[in-house]
Amino acid sequence: MRREFHIKGMHCESCAVEIKEQLGLTAGVKDVDVTFGGKTANVEFDEGVVQEKTLVKKIQDLGYQATVADEPQREARGA
């Protein structure tokens, strides 16, 4: 599963690197891309090993606010 997380509180590129490193060390996480400019983290993970809420908590434990991004593309297709 791949999910996007919105992150508030990043002040520089080093913040993005810190988040990427921590998420990358998490069991079940396969790939992580964190962008400072976009204030997002795109994480590919095995949902049988780790849950979204665990990833959000990992980001929060570093001192940032994190939420799971909505998926408007799925909602907008039928409209």
PDB file of N, CA and C in Angstrom:
ATOM      1  N   MET A   1       0.844  -1.177   0.000  1.00  0.00           N
ATOM      2  CA  MET A   1       0.000   0.000   0.000  1.00  0.00           C
ATOM      3  C   MET A   1       0.888   1.239   0.000  1.00  0.00           C
ATOM      4  N   ARG A   2       0.468   2.244  -0.731  1.00  0.00           N
ATOM      5  CA  ARG A   2       1.181   3.522  -0.734  1.00  0.00           C
ATOM      6  C   ARG A   2       0.213   4.587  -0.240  1.00  0.00           C
ATOM      7  N   ARG A   3       0.699   5.413   0.674  1.00  0.00           N
ATOM      8  CA  ARG A   3      -0.157   6.446   1.255  1.00  0.00           C
ATOM      9  C   ARG A   3       0.625   7.751   1.398  1.00  0.00           C
ATOM     10  N   GLU A   4      -0.064   8.849   1.219  1.00  0.00           N
ATOM     11  CA  GLU A   4       0.542  10.177   1.386  1.00  0.00           C
ATOM     12  C   GLU A   4       0.127  10.749   2.739  1.00  0.00           C
ATOM     13  N   PHE A   5       1.089  11.328   3.423  1.00  0.00           N
ATOM     14  CA  PHE A   5       0.851  11.970   4.708  1.00  0.00           C
ATOM     15  C   PHE A   5       1.204  13.444   4.578  1.00  0.00           C
ATOM     16  N   HIS A   6       0.350  14.317   5.132  1.00  0.00           N
ATOM     17  CA  HIS A   6       0.628  15.752   5.170  1.00  0.00           C
ATOM     18  C   HIS A   6       1.336  16.026   6.486  1.00  0.00           C
ATOM     19  N   ILE A   7       2.412  16.795   6.428  1.00  0.00           N
ATOM     20  CA  ILE A   7       3.218  17.060   7.611  1.00  0.00           C
ATOM     21  C   ILE A   7       3.323  18.555   7.846  1.00  0.00           C
ATOM     22  N   LYS A   8       3.050  18.975   9.077  1.00  0.00           N
ATOM     23  CA  LYS A   8       3.203  20.380   9.473  1.00  0.00           C
ATOM     24  C   LYS A   8       4.328  20.459  10.493  1.00  0.00           C
ATOM     25  N   GLY A   9       5.085  21.544  10.422  1.00  0.00           N
ATOM     26  CA  GLY A   9       6.135  21.769  11.401  1.00  0.00           C
ATOM     27  C   GLY A   9       7.546  21.580  10.874  1.00  0.00           C
ATOM     28  N   MET A  10       7.678  21.180   9.605  1.00  0.00           N
ATOM     29  CA  MET A  10       9.022  21.067   9.035  1.00  0.00           C
ATOM     30  C   MET A  10       9.541  22.471   8.747  1.00  0.00           C
ATOM     31  N   HIS A  11      10.778  22.735   9.162  1.00  0.00           N
ATOM     32  CA  HIS A  11      11.356  24.064   8.980  1.00  0.00           C
ATOM     33  C   HIS A  11      12.440  24.111   7.906  1.00  0.00           C
ATOM     34  N   CYS A  12      12.968  22.923   7.551  1.00  0.00           N
ATOM     35  CA  CYS A  12      14.050  22.894   6.578  1.00  0.00           C
ATOM     36  C   CYS A  12      14.170  21.499   5.979  1.00  0.00           C
ATOM     37  N   GLU A  13      15.084  21.357   5.038  1.00  0.00           N
ATOM     38  CA  GLU A  13      15.310  20.078   4.376  1.00  0.00           C
ATOM     39  C   GLU A  13      15.785  19.016   5.371  1.00  0.00           C
ATOM     40  N   SER A  14      16.496  19.432   6.408  1.00  0.00           N
ATOM     41  CA  SER A  14      16.971  18.475   7.423  1.00  0.00           C
ATOM     42  C   SER A  14      15.802  17.809   8.147  1.00  0.00           C
ATOM     43  N   CYS A  15      14.712  18.534   8.325  1.00  0.00           N
ATOM     44  CA  CYS A  15      13.509  17.957   8.944  1.00  0.00           C
ATOM     45  C   CYS A  15      12.997  16.808   8.077  1.00  0.00           C
ATOM     46  N   ALA A  16      12.945  17.037   6.762  1.00  0.00           N
ATOM     47  CA  ALA A  16      12.465  16.014   5.840  1.00  0.00           C
ATOM     48  C   ALA A  16      13.370  14.789   5.878  1.00  0.00           C
ATOM     49  N   VAL A  17      14.677  14.999   5.968  1.00  0.00           N
ATOM     50  CA  VAL A  17      15.631  13.895   6.023  1.00  0.00           C
ATOM     51  C   VAL A  17      15.427  13.089   7.306  1.00  0.00           C
ATOM     52  N   GLU A  18      15.223  13.784   8.417  1.00  0.00           N
ATOM     53  CA  GLU A  18      15.004  13.114   9.705  1.00  0.00           C
ATOM     54  C   GLU A  18      13.756  12.224   9.653  1.00  0.00           C
ATOM     55  N   ILE A  19      12.679  12.743   9.097  1.00  0.00           N
ATOM     56  CA  ILE A  19      11.435  11.981   8.988  1.00  0.00           C
ATOM     57  C   ILE A  19      11.640  10.769   8.078  1.00  0.00           C
ATOM     58  N   LYS A  20      12.299  10.991   6.948  1.00  0.00           N
ATOM     59  CA  LYS A  20      12.545   9.895   6.005  1.00  0.00           C
ATOM     60  C   LYS A  20      13.360   8.784   6.664  1.00  0.00           C
ATOM     61  N   GLU A  21      14.389   9.159   7.406  1.00  0.00           N
ATOM     62  CA  GLU A  21      15.233   8.161   8.075  1.00  0.00           C
ATOM     63  C   GLU A  21      14.437   7.357   9.098  1.00  0.00           C
ATOM     64  N   GLN A  22      13.641   8.046   9.923  1.00  0.00           N
ATOM     65  CA  GLN A  22      12.875   7.355  10.957  1.00  0.00           C
ATOM     66  C   GLN A  22      11.829   6.417  10.368  1.00  0.00           C
ATOM     67  N   LEU A  23      11.114   6.888   9.360  1.00  0.00           N
ATOM     68  CA  LEU A  23      10.108   6.035   8.737  1.00  0.00           C
ATOM     69  C   LEU A  23      10.764   4.852   8.028  1.00  0.00           C
ATOM     70  N   GLY A  24      11.925   5.104   7.434  1.00  0.00           N
ATOM     71  CA  GLY A  24      12.640   4.044   6.736  1.00  0.00           C
ATOM     72  C   GLY A  24      13.112   2.922   7.647  1.00  0.00           C
ATOM     73  N   LEU A  25      13.299   3.222   8.925  1.00  0.00           N
ATOM     74  CA  LEU A  25      13.722   2.222   9.907  1.00  0.00           C
ATOM     75  C   LEU A  25      12.554   1.408  10.459  1.00  0.00           C
ATOM     76  N   THR A  26      11.334   1.785  10.108  1.00  0.00           N
ATOM     77  CA  THR A  26      10.142   1.132  10.628  1.00  0.00           C
ATOM     78  C   THR A  26       9.878  -0.190   9.911  1.00  0.00           C
ATOM     79  N   ALA A  27       9.636  -1.233  10.684  1.00  0.00           N
ATOM     80  CA  ALA A  27       9.330  -2.550  10.106  1.00  0.00           C
ATOM     81  C   ALA A  27       8.096  -2.449   9.215  1.00  0.00           C
ATOM     82  N   GLY A  28       8.176  -3.028   8.036  1.00  0.00           N
ATOM     83  CA  GLY A  28       7.057  -3.024   7.102  1.00  0.00           C
ATOM     84  C   GLY A  28       7.103  -1.903   6.083  1.00  0.00           C
ATOM     85  N   VAL A  29       7.946  -0.895   6.319  1.00  0.00           N
ATOM     86  CA  VAL A  29       8.057   0.218   5.372  1.00  0.00           C
ATOM     87  C   VAL A  29       9.013  -0.187   4.257  1.00  0.00           C
ATOM     88  N   LYS A  30       8.532  -0.068   3.020  1.00  0.00           N
ATOM     89  CA  LYS A  30       9.312  -0.488   1.855  1.00  0.00           C
ATOM     90  C   LYS A  30      10.015   0.688   1.177  1.00  0.00           C
ATOM     91  N   ASP A  31       9.337   1.844   1.143  1.00  0.00           N
ATOM     92  CA  ASP A  31       9.898   3.009   0.457  1.00  0.00           C
ATOM     93  C   ASP A  31       9.328   4.275   1.071  1.00  0.00           C
ATOM     94  N   VAL A  32      10.163   5.310   1.171  1.00  0.00           N
ATOM     95  CA  VAL A  32       9.736   6.590   1.751  1.00  0.00           C
ATOM     96  C   VAL A  32      10.287   7.722   0.907  1.00  0.00           C
ATOM     97  N   ASP A  33       9.445   8.711   0.620  1.00  0.00           N
ATOM     98  CA  ASP A  33       9.883   9.936  -0.050  1.00  0.00           C
ATOM     99  C   ASP A  33       9.253  11.096   0.703  1.00  0.00           C
ATOM    100  N   VAL A  34      10.076  11.924   1.327  1.00  0.00           N
ATOM    101  CA  VAL A  34       9.588  13.075   2.083  1.00  0.00           C
ATOM    102  C   VAL A  34      10.047  14.336   1.377  1.00  0.00           C
ATOM    103  N   THR A  35       9.122  15.262   1.131  1.00  0.00           N
ATOM    104  CA  THR A  35       9.480  16.525   0.485  1.00  0.00           C
ATOM    105  C   THR A  35       9.202  17.688   1.417  1.00  0.00           C
ATOM    106  N   PHE A  36      10.222  18.500   1.635  1.00  0.00           N
ATOM    107  CA  PHE A  36      10.072  19.684   2.476  1.00  0.00           C
ATOM    108  C   PHE A  36       9.158  20.700   1.800  1.00  0.00           C
ATOM    109  N   GLY A  37       9.387  20.938   0.510  1.00  0.00           N
ATOM    110  CA  GLY A  37       8.589  21.918  -0.220  1.00  0.00           C
ATOM    111  C   GLY A  37       7.114  21.571  -0.261  1.00  0.00           C
ATOM    112  N   GLY A  38       6.817  20.294  -0.436  1.00  0.00           N
ATOM    113  CA  GLY A  38       5.433  19.852  -0.518  1.00  0.00           C
ATOM    114  C   GLY A  38       4.820  19.517   0.827  1.00  0.00           C
ATOM    115  N   LYS A  39       5.662  19.476   1.858  1.00  0.00           N
ATOM    116  CA  LYS A  39       5.207  19.135   3.215  1.00  0.00           C
ATOM    117  C   LYS A  39       4.486  17.793   3.247  1.00  0.00           C
ATOM    118  N   THR A  40       5.034  16.830   2.483  1.00  0.00           N
ATOM    119  CA  THR A  40       4.400  15.521   2.421  1.00  0.00           C
ATOM    120  C   THR A  40       5.416  14.393   2.590  1.00  0.00           C
ATOM    121  N   ALA A  41       4.883  13.248   2.970  1.00  0.00           N
ATOM    122  CA  ALA A  41       5.652  12.004   2.979  1.00  0.00           C
ATOM    123  C   ALA A  41       4.833  10.984   2.205  1.00  0.00           C
ATOM    124  N   ASN A  42       5.435  10.378   1.215  1.00  0.00           N
ATOM    125  CA  ASN A  42       4.798   9.301   0.470  1.00  0.00           C
ATOM    126  C   ASN A  42       5.467   8.011   0.927  1.00  0.00           C
ATOM    127  N   VAL A  43       4.672   7.140   1.512  1.00  0.00           N
ATOM    128  CA  VAL A  43       5.217   5.935   2.128  1.00  0.00           C
ATOM    129  C   VAL A  43       4.573   4.697   1.522  1.00  0.00           C
ATOM    130  N   GLU A  44       5.414   3.773   1.081  1.00  0.00           N
ATOM    131  CA  GLU A  44       4.937   2.466   0.641  1.00  0.00           C
ATOM    132  C   GLU A  44       5.221   1.499   1.778  1.00  0.00           C
ATOM    133  N   PHE A  45       4.170   0.789   2.215  1.00  0.00           N
ATOM    134  CA  PHE A  45       4.338  -0.090   3.367  1.00  0.00           C
ATOM    135  C   PHE A  45       3.441  -1.309   3.266  1.00  0.00           C
ATOM    136  N   ASP A  46       3.798  -2.317   4.044  1.00  0.00           N
ATOM    137  CA  ASP A  46       3.017  -3.550   4.132  1.00  0.00           C
ATOM    138  C   ASP A  46       2.027  -3.371   5.270  1.00  0.00           C
ATOM    139  N   GLU A  47       0.752  -3.209   4.924  1.00  0.00           N
ATOM    140  CA  GLU A  47      -0.253  -2.945   5.953  1.00  0.00           C
ATOM    141  C   GLU A  47      -0.491  -4.140   6.870  1.00  0.00           C
ATOM    142  N   GLY A  48       0.061  -5.294   6.524  1.00  0.00           N
ATOM    143  CA  GLY A  48      -0.001  -6.451   7.410  1.00  0.00           C
ATOM    144  C   GLY A  48       1.037  -6.376   8.514  1.00  0.00           C
ATOM    145  N   VAL A  49       2.009  -5.470   8.346  1.00  0.00           N
ATOM    146  CA  VAL A  49       3.095  -5.328   9.319  1.00  0.00           C
ATOM    147  C   VAL A  49       2.976  -4.022  10.110  1.00  0.00           C
ATOM    148  N   VAL A  50       2.612  -2.939   9.425  1.00  0.00           N
ATOM    149  CA  VAL A  50       2.533  -1.630  10.078  1.00  0.00           C
ATOM    150  C   VAL A  50       1.269  -0.908   9.603  1.00  0.00           C
ATOM    151  N   GLN A  51       0.647  -0.175  10.499  1.00  0.00           N
ATOM    152  CA  GLN A  51      -0.591   0.552  10.204  1.00  0.00           C
ATOM    153  C   GLN A  51      -0.313   2.038   9.980  1.00  0.00           C
ATOM    154  N   GLU A  52      -1.221   2.708   9.277  1.00  0.00           N
ATOM    155  CA  GLU A  52      -1.105   4.157   9.041  1.00  0.00           C
ATOM    156  C   GLU A  52      -0.946   4.913  10.348  1.00  0.00           C
ATOM    157  N   LYS A  53      -1.754   4.556  11.349  1.00  0.00           N
ATOM    158  CA  LYS A  53      -1.718   5.289  12.616  1.00  0.00           C
ATOM    159  C   LYS A  53      -0.348   5.175  13.286  1.00  0.00           C
ATOM    160  N   THR A  54       0.346   4.063  13.068  1.00  0.00           N
ATOM    161  CA  THR A  54       1.690   3.891  13.625  1.00  0.00           C
ATOM    162  C   THR A  54       2.661   4.838  12.933  1.00  0.00           C
ATOM    163  N   LEU A  55       2.522   4.995  11.623  1.00  0.00           N
ATOM    164  CA  LEU A  55       3.385   5.905  10.877  1.00  0.00           C
ATOM    165  C   LEU A  55       3.126   7.352  11.282  1.00  0.00           C
ATOM    166  N   VAL A  56       1.862   7.698  11.476  1.00  0.00           N
ATOM    167  CA  VAL A  56       1.514   9.047  11.950  1.00  0.00           C
ATOM    168  C   VAL A  56       2.157   9.293  13.313  1.00  0.00           C
ATOM    169  N   LYS A  57       2.070   8.316  14.209  1.00  0.00           N
ATOM    170  CA  LYS A  57       2.650   8.469  15.550  1.00  0.00           C
ATOM    171  C   LYS A  57       4.160   8.623  15.483  1.00  0.00           C
ATOM    172  N   LYS A  58       4.820   7.883  14.601  1.00  0.00           N
ATOM    173  CA  LYS A  58       6.278   8.011  14.443  1.00  0.00           C
ATOM    174  C   LYS A  58       6.652   9.444  14.059  1.00  0.00           C
ATOM    175  N   ILE A  59       5.890  10.032  13.143  1.00  0.00           N
ATOM    176  CA  ILE A  59       6.143  11.415  12.716  1.00  0.00           C
ATOM    177  C   ILE A  59       5.874  12.370  13.874  1.00  0.00           C
ATOM    178  N   GLN A  60       4.775  12.149  14.589  1.00  0.00           N
ATOM    179  CA  GLN A  60       4.428  13.005  15.723  1.00  0.00           C
ATOM    180  C   GLN A  60       5.471  12.914  16.836  1.00  0.00           C
ATOM    181  N   ASP A  61       6.014  11.721  17.048  1.00  0.00           N
ATOM    182  CA  ASP A  61       7.038  11.541  18.078  1.00  0.00           C
ATOM    183  C   ASP A  61       8.303  12.344  17.782  1.00  0.00           C
ATOM    184  N   LEU A  62       8.500  12.702  16.514  1.00  0.00           N
ATOM    185  CA  LEU A  62       9.639  13.534  16.125  1.00  0.00           C
ATOM    186  C   LEU A  62       9.348  15.027  16.317  1.00  0.00           C
ATOM    187  N   GLY A  63       8.104  15.357  16.667  1.00  0.00           N
ATOM    188  CA  GLY A  63       7.742  16.749  16.927  1.00  0.00           C
ATOM    189  C   GLY A  63       6.985  17.439  15.814  1.00  0.00           C
ATOM    190  N   TYR A  64       6.473  16.668  14.866  1.00  0.00           N
ATOM    191  CA  TYR A  64       5.725  17.239  13.743  1.00  0.00           C
ATOM    192  C   TYR A  64       4.266  16.805  13.817  1.00  0.00           C
ATOM    193  N   GLN A  65       3.399  17.535  13.127  1.00  0.00           N
ATOM    194  CA  GLN A  65       1.997  17.135  13.019  1.00  0.00           C
ATOM    195  C   GLN A  65       1.847  16.370  11.710  1.00  0.00           C
ATOM    196  N   ALA A  66       1.106  15.278  11.761  1.00  0.00           N
ATOM    197  CA  ALA A  66       0.924  14.476  10.549  1.00  0.00           C
ATOM    198  C   ALA A  66      -0.508  13.993  10.438  1.00  0.00           C
ATOM    199  N   THR A  67      -1.010  14.006   9.215  1.00  0.00           N
ATOM    200  CA  THR A  67      -2.331  13.468   8.920  1.00  0.00           C
ATOM    201  C   THR A  67      -2.250  12.680   7.620  1.00  0.00           C
ATOM    202  N   VAL A  68      -3.140  11.714   7.474  1.00  0.00           N
ATOM    203  CA  VAL A  68      -3.207  10.937   6.245  1.00  0.00           C
ATOM    204  C   VAL A  68      -3.948  11.769   5.212  1.00  0.00           C
ATOM    205  N   ALA A  69      -3.372  11.877   4.031  1.00  0.00           N
ATOM    206  CA  ALA A  69      -3.997  12.660   2.962  1.00  0.00           C
ATOM    207  C   ALA A  69      -5.255  11.963   2.469  1.00  0.00           C
ATOM    208  N   ASP A  70      -6.238  12.758   2.097  1.00  0.00           N
ATOM    209  CA  ASP A  70      -7.441  12.216   1.473  1.00  0.00           C
ATOM    210  C   ASP A  70      -7.078  11.760   0.070  1.00  0.00           C
ATOM    211  N   GLU A  71      -7.957  10.999  -0.523  1.00  0.00           N
ATOM    212  CA  GLU A  71      -7.724  10.537  -1.888  1.00  0.00           C
ATOM    213  C   GLU A  71      -8.793  11.104  -2.811  1.00  0.00           C
ATOM    214  N   PRO A  72      -8.711  12.405  -3.120  1.00  0.00           N
ATOM    215  CA  PRO A  72      -9.753  13.037  -3.941  1.00  0.00           C
ATOM    216  C   PRO A  72      -9.865  12.468  -5.337  1.00  0.00           C
ATOM    217  N   GLN A  73      -8.782  11.872  -5.883  1.00  0.00           N
ATOM    218  CA  GLN A  73      -8.850  11.336  -7.237  1.00  0.00           C
ATOM    219  C   GLN A  73      -9.914  10.260  -7.340  1.00  0.00           C
ATOM    220  N   ARG A  74     -10.025   9.398  -6.337  1.00  0.00           N
ATOM    221  CA  ARG A  74     -11.016   8.323  -6.364  1.00  0.00           C
ATOM    222  C   ARG A  74     -12.434   8.894  -6.285  1.00  0.00           C
ATOM    223  N   GLU A  75     -12.618   9.928  -5.485  1.00  0.00           N
ATOM    224  CA  GLU A  75     -13.949  10.523  -5.317  1.00  0.00           C
ATOM    225  C   GLU A  75     -14.358  11.306  -6.565  1.00  0.00           C
ATOM    226  N   ALA A  76     -13.413  11.971  -7.200  1.00  0.00           N
ATOM    227  CA  ALA A  76     -13.728  12.875  -8.313  1.00  0.00           C
ATOM    228  C   ALA A  76     -14.001  12.138  -9.629  1.00  0.00           C
ATOM    229  N   ARG A  77     -13.542  10.925  -9.779  1.00  0.00           N
ATOM    230  CA  ARG A  77     -13.709  10.216 -11.046  1.00  0.00           C
ATOM    231  C   ARG A  77     -15.161  10.021 -11.459  1.00  0.00           C
ATOM    232  N   GLY A  78     -15.997   9.739 -10.497  1.00  0.00           N
ATOM    233  CA  GLY A  78     -17.394   9.486 -10.816  1.00  0.00           C
ATOM    234  C   GLY A  78     -18.207  10.737 -10.987  1.00  0.00           C
ATOM    235  N   ALA A  79     -17.642  11.871 -10.642  1.00  0.00           N
ATOM    236  CA  ALA A  79     -18.396  13.139 -10.685  1.00  0.00           C
ATOM    237  C   ALA A  79     -18.365  13.788 -12.029  1.00  0.00           C
TER     238      ALA A  79
END
